[in-house]
C-alpha atoms as a PDB file:
ATOM      1  CA  MET A   1     -49.851  45.515 153.539  1.00  0.00           C
ATOM      2  CA  MET A   2     -50.422  47.570 150.403  1.00  0.00           C
ATOM      3  CA  ASN A   3     -52.291  46.024 147.482  1.00  0.00           C
ATOM      4  CA  GLU A   4     -50.833  48.045 144.643  1.00  0.00           C
ATOM      5  CA  LEU A   5     -47.509  48.504 142.929  1.00  0.00           C
ATOM      6  CA  THR A   6     -46.553  52.141 143.471  1.00  0.00           C
ATOM      7  CA  HIS A   7     -44.113  52.417 140.558  1.00  0.00           C
ATOM      8  CA  PHE A   8     -46.896  52.343 137.950  1.00  0.00           C
ATOM      9  CA  ASP A   9     -49.314  55.145 137.127  1.00  0.00           C
ATOM     10  CA  ALA A  10     -53.053  54.754 136.420  1.00  0.00           C
ATOM     11  CA  ASP A  11     -52.257  53.790 132.818  1.00  0.00           C
ATOM     12  CA  GLY A  12     -49.789  51.091 133.870  1.00  0.00           C
ATOM     13  CA  GLN A  13     -46.721  53.094 132.846  1.00  0.00           C
ATOM     14  CA  ALA A  14     -43.600  52.972 134.996  1.00  0.00           C
ATOM     15  CA  HIS A  15     -42.844  56.178 136.901  1.00  0.00           C
ATOM     16  CA  MET A  16     -40.814  57.448 139.817  1.00  0.00           C
ATOM     17  CA  VAL A  17     -43.065  57.764 142.848  1.00  0.00           C
ATOM     18  CA  ASP A  18     -43.806  61.380 143.812  1.00  0.00           C
ATOM     19  CA  VAL A  19     -42.602  61.788 147.403  1.00  0.00           C
ATOM     20  CA  SER A  20     -42.933  65.586 147.521  1.00  0.00           C
ATOM     21  CA  ALA A  21     -45.917  65.483 149.899  1.00  0.00           C
ATOM     22  CA  LYS A  22     -44.280  63.001 152.293  1.00  0.00           C
ATOM     23  CA  SER A  23     -42.840  64.155 155.602  1.00  0.00           C
ATOM     24  CA  VAL A  24     -39.124  64.161 156.203  1.00  0.00           C
ATOM     25  CA  THR A  25     -38.442  61.524 158.861  1.00  0.00           C
ATOM     26  CA  HIS A  26     -35.508  59.510 160.127  1.00  0.00           C
ATOM     27  CA  ARG A  27     -35.433  56.436 157.869  1.00  0.00           C
ATOM     28  CA  ILE A  28     -33.547  53.239 158.694  1.00  0.00           C
ATOM     29  CA  ALA A  29     -33.203  49.945 156.868  1.00  0.00           C
ATOM     30  CA  VAL A  30     -31.218  46.841 157.779  1.00  0.00           C
ATOM     31  CA  ALA A  31     -30.489  44.052 155.297  1.00  0.00           C
ATOM     32  CA  GLU A  32     -28.463  40.882 155.504  1.00  0.00           C
ATOM     33  CA  GLY A  33     -26.967  38.160 153.366  1.00  0.00           C
ATOM     34  CA  ARG A  34     -24.472  35.331 153.472  1.00  0.00           C
ATOM     35  CA  ILE A  35     -21.778  33.909 151.262  1.00  0.00           C
ATOM     36  CA  ARG A  36     -21.096  30.204 151.609  1.00  0.00           C
ATOM     37  CA  MET A  37     -17.565  28.995 150.810  1.00  0.00           C
ATOM     38  CA  GLU A  38     -15.037  26.254 151.343  1.00  0.00           C
ATOM     39  CA  PRO A  39     -13.528  26.135 154.861  1.00  0.00           C
ATOM     40  CA  GLY A  40     -10.084  26.944 153.434  1.00  0.00           C
ATOM     41  CA  THR A  41     -11.402  30.112 151.800  1.00  0.00           C
ATOM     42  CA  LEU A  42     -12.898  31.277 155.075  1.00  0.00           C
ATOM     43  CA  GLU A  43      -9.589  30.524 156.782  1.00  0.00           C
ATOM     44  CA  LEU A  44      -7.733  32.727 154.254  1.00  0.00           C
ATOM     45  CA  ILE A  45     -10.157  35.586 154.983  1.00  0.00           C
ATOM     46  CA  GLU A  46      -9.909  35.097 158.749  1.00  0.00           C
ATOM     47  CA  GLN A  47      -6.112  35.016 158.778  1.00  0.00           C
ATOM     48  CA  GLY A  48      -5.758  37.932 156.376  1.00  0.00           C
ATOM     49  CA  GLY A  49      -3.669  35.656 154.169  1.00  0.00           C
ATOM     50  CA  HIS A  50      -5.359  36.507 150.907  1.00  0.00           C
ATOM     51  CA  LYS A  51      -2.895  37.879 148.369  1.00  0.00           C
ATOM     52  CA  LYS A  52      -5.364  40.620 147.350  1.00  0.00           C
ATOM     53  CA  GLY A  53      -5.379  42.081 150.864  1.00  0.00           C
ATOM     54  CA  ASP A  54      -8.021  42.690 153.525  1.00  0.00           C
ATOM     55  CA  VAL A  55     -11.051  41.018 151.944  1.00  0.00           C
ATOM     56  CA  LEU A  56     -13.613  42.224 154.495  1.00  0.00           C
ATOM     57  CA  GLY A  57     -12.199  45.758 154.648  1.00  0.00           C
ATOM     58  CA  ILE A  58     -12.472  46.128 150.889  1.00  0.00           C
ATOM     59  CA  ALA A  59     -15.944  44.518 150.868  1.00  0.00           C
ATOM     60  CA  ARG A  60     -17.058  47.016 153.543  1.00  0.00           C
ATOM     61  CA  ILE A  61     -15.959  49.977 151.404  1.00  0.00           C
ATOM     62  CA  ALA A  62     -17.676  48.421 148.358  1.00  0.00           C
ATOM     63  CA  GLY A  63     -20.922  48.097 150.323  1.00  0.00           C
ATOM     64  CA  ILE A  64     -20.790  51.715 151.434  1.00  0.00           C
ATOM     65  CA  MET A  65     -20.149  52.843 147.869  1.00  0.00           C
ATOM     66  CA  ALA A  66     -22.999  50.645 146.613  1.00  0.00           C
ATOM     67  CA  ALA A  67     -25.490  52.188 149.046  1.00  0.00           C
ATOM     68  CA  LYS A  68     -24.525  55.643 147.775  1.00  0.00           C
ATOM     69  CA  LYS A  69     -24.946  54.591 144.119  1.00  0.00           C
ATOM     70  CA  THR A  70     -28.234  52.680 144.386  1.00  0.00           C
ATOM     71  CA  SER A  71     -30.251  55.228 142.410  1.00  0.00           C
ATOM     72  CA  ASP A  72     -27.747  54.873 139.542  1.00  0.00           C
ATOM     73  CA  LEU A  73     -28.462  51.122 139.373  1.00  0.00           C
ATOM     74  CA  VAL A  74     -32.153  50.743 140.223  1.00  0.00           C
ATOM     75  CA  PRO A  75     -34.052  52.821 137.641  1.00  0.00           C
ATOM     76  CA  LEU A  76     -36.913  54.206 139.760  1.00  0.00           C
ATOM     77  CA  CYS A  77     -34.993  54.721 143.016  1.00  0.00           C
ATOM     78  CA  HIS A  78     -34.711  58.264 144.329  1.00  0.00           C
ATOM     79  CA  PRO A  79     -31.209  59.645 144.853  1.00  0.00           C
ATOM     80  CA  LEU A  80     -30.830  60.095 148.613  1.00  0.00           C
ATOM     81  CA  ALA A  81     -28.484  61.940 150.925  1.00  0.00           C
ATOM     82  CA  LEU A  82     -27.490  59.100 153.239  1.00  0.00           C
ATOM     83  CA  THR A  83     -26.520  59.979 156.791  1.00  0.00           C
ATOM     84  CA  ARG A  84     -25.093  56.587 157.758  1.00  0.00           C
ATOM     85  CA  VAL A  85     -23.999  53.353 156.113  1.00  0.00           C
ATOM     86  CA  ALA A  86     -22.603  50.614 158.351  1.00  0.00           C
ATOM     87  CA  ILE A  87     -21.480  47.238 157.027  1.00  0.00           C
ATOM     88  CA  ASP A  88     -20.713  44.493 159.536  1.00  0.00           C
ATOM     89  CA  PHE A  89     -19.371  41.010 158.914  1.00  0.00           C
ATOM     90  CA  ALA A  90     -19.421  37.886 161.044  1.00  0.00           C
ATOM     91  CA  LEU A  91     -17.416  34.815 160.169  1.00  0.00           C
ATOM     92  CA  GLU A  92     -19.566  31.692 160.342  1.00  0.00           C
ATOM     93  CA  PRO A  93     -17.384  28.564 160.518  1.00  0.00           C
ATOM     94  CA  SER A  94     -20.486  26.342 160.746  1.00  0.00           C
ATOM     95  CA  LEU A  95     -21.734  27.562 157.328  1.00  0.00           C
ATOM     96  CA  PRO A  96     -18.825  27.933 156.406  1.00  0.00           C
ATOM     97  CA  GLY A  97     -18.922  31.509 155.185  1.00  0.00           C
ATOM     98  CA  VAL A  98     -19.457  35.149 156.013  1.00  0.00           C
ATOM     99  CA  HIS A  99     -22.634  36.864 157.202  1.00  0.00           C
ATOM    100  CA  CYS A 100     -23.078  40.509 156.170  1.00  0.00           C
ATOM    101  CA  THR A 101     -25.376  43.076 157.789  1.00  0.00           C
ATOM    102  CA  ALA A 102     -25.905  46.480 156.158  1.00  0.00           C
ATOM    103  CA  ARG A 103     -27.561  49.351 158.035  1.00  0.00           C
ATOM    104  CA  VAL A 104     -28.459  52.505 156.126  1.00  0.00           C
ATOM    105  CA  GLU A 105     -29.988  55.716 157.473  1.00  0.00           C
ATOM    106  CA  THR A 106     -31.184  59.064 156.144  1.00  0.00           C
ATOM    107  CA  GLN A 107     -33.400  61.992 156.990  1.00  0.00           C
ATOM    108  CA  GLY A 108     -35.737  61.997 154.046  1.00  0.00           C
ATOM    109  CA  GLN A 109     -39.075  61.534 152.339  1.00  0.00           C
ATOM    110  CA  THR A 110     -38.543  57.947 151.204  1.00  0.00           C
ATOM    111  CA  GLY A 111     -37.037  54.824 152.681  1.00  0.00           C
ATOM    112  CA  VAL A 112     -33.597  53.299 152.345  1.00  0.00           C
ATOM    113  CA  GLU A 113     -34.503  49.630 151.923  1.00  0.00           C
ATOM    114  CA  MET A 114     -33.035  49.423 148.427  1.00  0.00           C
ATOM    115  CA  GLU A 115     -29.809  51.040 149.606  1.00  0.00           C
ATOM    116  CA  ALA A 116     -29.427  48.510 152.441  1.00  0.00           C
ATOM    117  CA  LEU A 117     -30.166  45.558 150.144  1.00  0.00           C
ATOM    118  CA  ASN A 118     -27.757  46.858 147.516  1.00  0.00           C
ATOM    119  CA  ALA A 119     -25.032  47.412 150.123  1.00  0.00           C
ATOM    120  CA  ALA A 120     -25.344  43.863 151.447  1.00  0.00           C
ATOM    121  CA  GLN A 121     -25.372  42.329 147.975  1.00  0.00           C
ATOM    122  CA  VAL A 122     -22.370  44.283 146.679  1.00  0.00           C
ATOM    123  CA  SER A 123     -20.409  43.573 149.863  1.00  0.00           C
ATOM    124  CA  LEU A 124     -20.950  39.857 149.274  1.00  0.00           C
ATOM    125  CA  LEU A 125     -20.179  40.167 145.554  1.00  0.00           C
ATOM    126  CA  THR A 126     -16.895  41.825 146.463  1.00  0.00           C
ATOM    127  CA  ILE A 127     -15.988  38.932 148.744  1.00  0.00           C
ATOM    128  CA  TYR A 128     -16.767  36.605 145.844  1.00  0.00           C
ATOM    129  CA  ASP A 129     -14.665  38.659 143.442  1.00  0.00           C
ATOM    130  CA  MET A 130     -11.687  38.736 145.768  1.00  0.00           C
ATOM    131  CA  CYS A 131     -11.826  35.006 146.547  1.00  0.00           C
ATOM    132  CA  LYS A 132     -12.947  33.492 143.248  1.00  0.00           C
ATOM    133  CA  ALA A 133      -9.384  32.486 142.316  1.00  0.00           C
ATOM    134  CA  VAL A 134      -9.384  29.955 145.167  1.00  0.00           C
ATOM    135  CA  ASP A 135     -13.110  29.096 145.351  1.00  0.00           C
ATOM    136  CA  ARG A 136     -15.418  29.510 142.347  1.00  0.00           C
ATOM    137  CA  ALA A 137     -18.191  27.486 144.013  1.00  0.00           C
ATOM    138  CA  MET A 138     -19.063  30.185 146.572  1.00  0.00           C
ATOM    139  CA  THR A 139     -22.780  30.890 146.870  1.00  0.00           C
ATOM    140  CA  ILE A 140     -24.416  34.167 147.820  1.00  0.00           C
ATOM    141  CA  GLU A 141     -27.698  33.517 149.607  1.00  0.00           C
ATOM    142  CA  GLN A 142     -30.459  34.890 151.794  1.00  0.00           C
ATOM    143  CA  VAL A 143     -30.048  38.543 150.849  1.00  0.00           C
ATOM    144  CA  ARG A 144     -33.119  40.089 152.439  1.00  0.00           C
ATOM    145  CA  LEU A 145     -34.530  43.014 154.339  1.00  0.00           C
ATOM    146  CA  LEU A 146     -34.528  42.524 158.105  1.00  0.00           C
ATOM    147  CA  GLU A 147     -36.019  45.788 159.298  1.00  0.00           C
ATOM    148  CA  LYS A 148     -37.153  49.226 158.227  1.00  0.00           C
ATOM    149  CA  ALA A 149     -38.287  52.213 160.249  1.00  0.00           C
ATOM    150  CA  GLY A 150     -39.574  55.686 159.524  1.00  0.00           C
ATOM    151  CA  GLY A 151     -42.171  57.191 157.276  1.00  0.00           C
ATOM    152  CA  LYS A 152     -45.918  56.703 157.106  1.00  0.00           C
ATOM    153  CA  SER A 153     -45.748  52.908 157.266  1.00  0.00           C
ATOM    154  CA  GLY A 154     -43.680  53.041 160.468  1.00  0.00           C
ATOM    155  CA  HIS A 155     -41.615  50.157 161.741  1.00  0.00           C
ATOM    156  CA  TRP A 156     -41.436  46.740 160.085  1.00  0.00           C
ATOM    157  CA  SER A 157     -39.320  43.811 161.211  1.00  0.00           C
ATOM    158  CA  ARG A 158     -38.894  40.345 159.735  1.00  0.00           C
ATOM    159  CA  GLY A 159     -40.267  37.691 162.060  1.00  0.00           C
ATOM    160  CA  PRO A 160     -37.896  35.090 163.527  1.00  0.00           C
ATOM    161  CA  ASP A 161     -39.288  32.327 161.283  1.00  0.00           C
ATOM    162  CA  SER A 162     -39.366  34.187 157.994  1.00  0.00           C
END
């Protein structure tokens, strides 16, 4: 684990990290999150009965777009040429709600963790936006990085209890 914040220079000023000396490697990041909702809201999503259309299909496109726009939203993020963005949803009746997994990949000099986290969050926000007319009490929770691979630091995976 590193002991310094890399987005600050020696004088404590914010800066974009210089990645020019880093090797180009295959970078992968996987993030997840959940949105908790009323059982009836989940049923509308599952049955495709929402008047705004295919909630999960639209949320998937929003997540892909979000991954591509991360550097426009997070000030010190590098703009990256992404090679893959995959957004998957699982309905969780026991929650009740929807679980989102975002996987982002690139061939580059810096990782794609922020892109994966942004994709998961915006996917869930889109579900909220599309369903808020029937359920304003929805809660987005547990948005977190699950795994990253590539680069000098190698592979990292969240433990089963964390």
